[in-house]
Amino acid sequence: MAEAIEEGVARVNEVLEKAPRQKGHETQARFLCDQGGEALSGLRAACDRAEEAVGRDAWPLPKYRDLLFLV
């Protein structure tokens, strides 16, 4: 599980390093939208799996579901 999160962070960082090398703002924006969105989605999925696997008593932060439905 931790490996998947580390891989996700590495992928996001890789995309962020490549983005400035794209020619023009529109090309950079499309690159970040496509590649960045895909990388962030993978990282989010890994984090969601970790959050579900760890018990509430051991998870120091509000869980995503708590943040969504906190009123």
N, C-alpha and C. Protein backbone atom coordinates (compact mmCIF):
# COMPACT_ATOMS: atom_id res chain seq x y z
N MET A 1 0.82 -1.19 0.00
CA MET A 1 0.00 0.00 0.00
C MET A 1 0.87 1.26 0.00
N ALA A 2 1.86 1.29 0.87
CA ALA A 2 2.76 2.45 0.92
C ALA A 2 3.55 2.57 -0.39
N GLU A 3 3.88 1.43 -0.98
CA GLU A 3 4.60 1.45 -2.26
C GLU A 3 3.76 2.12 -3.34
N ALA A 4 2.48 1.84 -3.36
CA ALA A 4 1.59 2.43 -4.36
C ALA A 4 1.51 3.95 -4.17
N ILE A 5 1.50 4.40 -2.93
CA ILE A 5 1.47 5.83 -2.66
C ILE A 5 2.78 6.48 -3.10
N GLU A 6 3.89 5.83 -2.77
CA GLU A 6 5.20 6.36 -3.18
C GLU A 6 5.31 6.41 -4.69
N GLU A 7 4.84 5.39 -5.37
CA GLU A 7 4.86 5.38 -6.83
C GLU A 7 3.98 6.49 -7.39
N GLY A 8 2.83 6.70 -6.76
CA GLY A 8 1.93 7.77 -7.20
C GLY A 8 2.55 9.14 -7.05
N VAL A 9 3.21 9.37 -5.94
CA VAL A 9 3.90 10.64 -5.71
C VAL A 9 5.01 10.83 -6.73
N ALA A 10 5.76 9.77 -6.99
CA ALA A 10 6.85 9.84 -7.98
C ALA A 10 6.29 10.17 -9.36
N ARG A 11 5.17 9.57 -9.71
CA ARG A 11 4.54 9.84 -11.02
C ARG A 11 4.09 11.30 -11.12
N VAL A 12 3.48 11.82 -10.08
CA VAL A 12 3.05 13.23 -10.07
C VAL A 12 4.27 14.14 -10.22
N ASN A 13 5.32 13.85 -9.47
CA ASN A 13 6.54 14.66 -9.57
C ASN A 13 7.14 14.59 -10.97
N GLU A 14 7.10 13.43 -11.58
CA GLU A 14 7.62 13.26 -12.94
C GLU A 14 6.85 14.15 -13.92
N VAL A 15 5.54 14.17 -13.78
CA VAL A 15 4.71 15.01 -14.65
C VAL A 15 5.03 16.48 -14.41
N LEU A 16 5.18 16.87 -13.15
CA LEU A 16 5.48 18.27 -12.84
C LEU A 16 6.86 18.69 -13.38
N GLU A 17 7.79 17.76 -13.41
CA GLU A 17 9.11 18.07 -13.97
C GLU A 17 9.07 18.22 -15.49
N LYS A 18 8.21 17.44 -16.15
CA LYS A 18 8.12 17.48 -17.60
C LYS A 18 7.28 18.65 -18.11
N ALA A 19 6.36 19.13 -17.31
CA ALA A 19 5.43 20.17 -17.77
C ALA A 19 6.12 21.42 -18.30
N PRO A 20 7.12 21.97 -17.62
CA PRO A 20 7.75 23.20 -18.13
C PRO A 20 8.45 23.02 -19.48
N ARG A 21 8.76 21.78 -19.84
CA ARG A 21 9.44 21.53 -21.12
C ARG A 21 8.48 21.50 -22.30
N GLN A 22 7.18 21.56 -22.01
CA GLN A 22 6.20 21.59 -23.08
C GLN A 22 6.21 22.98 -23.72
N LYS A 23 6.08 23.03 -25.02
CA LYS A 23 6.14 24.31 -25.74
C LYS A 23 4.80 25.03 -25.68
N GLY A 24 4.80 26.20 -25.07
CA GLY A 24 3.60 27.04 -25.03
C GLY A 24 2.68 26.72 -23.87
N HIS A 25 1.95 27.73 -23.46
CA HIS A 25 1.05 27.58 -22.31
C HIS A 25 -0.10 26.61 -22.58
N GLU A 26 -0.63 26.66 -23.79
CA GLU A 26 -1.74 25.76 -24.10
C GLU A 26 -1.29 24.30 -24.08
N THR A 27 -0.12 24.05 -24.63
CA THR A 27 0.42 22.69 -24.64
C THR A 27 0.72 22.22 -23.22
N GLN A 28 1.26 23.12 -22.40
CA GLN A 28 1.52 22.77 -21.00
C GLN A 28 0.21 22.46 -20.28
N ALA A 29 -0.80 23.28 -20.53
CA ALA A 29 -2.10 23.07 -19.87
C ALA A 29 -2.70 21.73 -20.27
N ARG A 30 -2.64 21.40 -21.56
CA ARG A 30 -3.18 20.12 -22.01
C ARG A 30 -2.38 18.94 -21.42
N PHE A 31 -1.07 19.10 -21.36
CA PHE A 31 -0.21 18.06 -20.78
C PHE A 31 -0.58 17.84 -19.31
N LEU A 32 -0.70 18.94 -18.56
CA LEU A 32 -1.03 18.80 -17.14
C LEU A 32 -2.43 18.24 -16.95
N CYS A 33 -3.34 18.64 -17.81
CA CYS A 33 -4.71 18.12 -17.71
C CYS A 33 -4.74 16.62 -17.96
N ASP A 34 -4.06 16.20 -19.02
CA ASP A 34 -4.08 14.78 -19.38
C ASP A 34 -3.18 13.95 -18.48
N GLN A 35 -1.89 14.24 -18.52
CA GLN A 35 -0.92 13.44 -17.76
C GLN A 35 -1.03 13.69 -16.26
N GLY A 36 -1.20 14.95 -15.88
CA GLY A 36 -1.31 15.29 -14.46
C GLY A 36 -2.57 14.72 -13.84
N GLY A 37 -3.67 14.84 -14.57
CA GLY A 37 -4.93 14.30 -14.06
C GLY A 37 -4.86 12.79 -13.86
N GLU A 38 -4.24 12.12 -14.81
CA GLU A 38 -4.07 10.67 -14.72
C GLU A 38 -3.18 10.30 -13.52
N ALA A 39 -2.09 11.03 -13.35
CA ALA A 39 -1.17 10.76 -12.24
C ALA A 39 -1.85 11.02 -10.89
N LEU A 40 -2.56 12.12 -10.80
CA LEU A 40 -3.25 12.44 -9.55
C LEU A 40 -4.36 11.44 -9.24
N SER A 41 -5.03 10.97 -10.27
CA SER A 41 -6.08 9.99 -10.07
C SER A 41 -5.51 8.68 -9.50
N GLY A 42 -4.36 8.27 -10.03
CA GLY A 42 -3.70 7.07 -9.51
C GLY A 42 -3.27 7.23 -8.07
N LEU A 43 -2.72 8.39 -7.74
CA LEU A 43 -2.30 8.66 -6.36
C LEU A 43 -3.50 8.69 -5.44
N ARG A 44 -4.56 9.32 -5.89
CA ARG A 44 -5.79 9.39 -5.09
C ARG A 44 -6.33 8.00 -4.79
N ALA A 45 -6.32 7.13 -5.79
CA ALA A 45 -6.82 5.76 -5.59
C ALA A 45 -5.99 5.02 -4.55
N ALA A 46 -4.67 5.20 -4.60
CA ALA A 46 -3.80 4.54 -3.61
C ALA A 46 -4.07 5.09 -2.22
N CYS A 47 -4.24 6.38 -2.10
CA CYS A 47 -4.53 6.99 -0.79
C CYS A 47 -5.89 6.55 -0.27
N ASP A 48 -6.88 6.45 -1.15
CA ASP A 48 -8.20 5.98 -0.74
C ASP A 48 -8.13 4.55 -0.20
N ARG A 49 -7.35 3.70 -0.87
CA ARG A 49 -7.21 2.31 -0.38
C ARG A 49 -6.56 2.28 1.00
N ALA A 50 -5.57 3.13 1.20
CA ALA A 50 -4.90 3.18 2.50
C ALA A 50 -5.87 3.66 3.57
N GLU A 51 -6.63 4.68 3.24
CA GLU A 51 -7.58 5.23 4.20
C GLU A 51 -8.63 4.19 4.61
N GLU A 52 -9.08 3.40 3.65
CA GLU A 52 -10.07 2.37 3.94
C GLU A 52 -9.48 1.24 4.79
N ALA A 53 -8.21 0.94 4.60
CA ALA A 53 -7.57 -0.19 5.28
C ALA A 53 -7.20 0.13 6.72
N VAL A 54 -6.98 1.41 7.02
CA VAL A 54 -6.52 1.80 8.36
C VAL A 54 -7.74 2.16 9.21
N GLY A 55 -7.77 1.64 10.41
CA GLY A 55 -8.87 1.92 11.32
C GLY A 55 -8.94 3.38 11.73
N ARG A 56 -10.12 3.83 12.04
CA ARG A 56 -10.36 5.24 12.41
C ARG A 56 -9.48 5.66 13.60
N ASP A 57 -9.26 4.76 14.53
CA ASP A 57 -8.46 5.10 15.71
C ASP A 57 -6.98 5.31 15.38
N ALA A 58 -6.51 4.74 14.29
CA ALA A 58 -5.10 4.87 13.91
C ALA A 58 -4.88 5.91 12.80
N TRP A 59 -5.96 6.46 12.25
CA TRP A 59 -5.85 7.45 11.17
C TRP A 59 -5.95 8.84 11.80
N PRO A 60 -4.84 9.60 11.81
CA PRO A 60 -4.80 10.86 12.54
C PRO A 60 -5.57 12.01 11.89
N LEU A 61 -5.96 11.86 10.64
CA LEU A 61 -6.63 12.95 9.92
C LEU A 61 -8.09 12.63 9.70
N PRO A 62 -8.92 13.63 9.42
CA PRO A 62 -10.30 13.32 9.05
C PRO A 62 -10.30 12.48 7.78
N LYS A 63 -11.13 11.49 7.74
CA LYS A 63 -11.23 10.67 6.54
C LYS A 63 -12.02 11.43 5.48
N TYR A 64 -11.79 11.06 4.23
CA TYR A 64 -12.41 11.77 3.10
C TYR A 64 -13.92 11.82 3.25
N ARG A 65 -14.52 10.71 3.64
CA ARG A 65 -15.97 10.66 3.81
C ARG A 65 -16.42 11.67 4.87
N ASP A 66 -15.63 11.83 5.94
CA ASP A 66 -15.96 12.79 6.99
C ASP A 66 -15.95 14.22 6.42
N LEU A 67 -14.97 14.51 5.58
CA LEU A 67 -14.87 15.84 5.00
C LEU A 67 -16.02 16.11 4.03
N LEU A 68 -16.43 15.09 3.31
CA LEU A 68 -17.53 15.26 2.35
C LEU A 68 -18.84 15.56 3.04
N PHE A 69 -19.09 14.88 4.14
CA PHE A 69 -20.39 14.97 4.77
C PHE A 69 -20.40 15.78 6.06
N LEU A 70 -19.29 16.47 6.33
CA LEU A 70 -19.22 17.33 7.51
C LEU A 70 -20.06 18.58 7.25
N VAL A 71 -21.03 18.80 8.10
CA VAL A 71 -21.90 19.98 7.90
C VAL A 71 -21.91 20.80 9.16
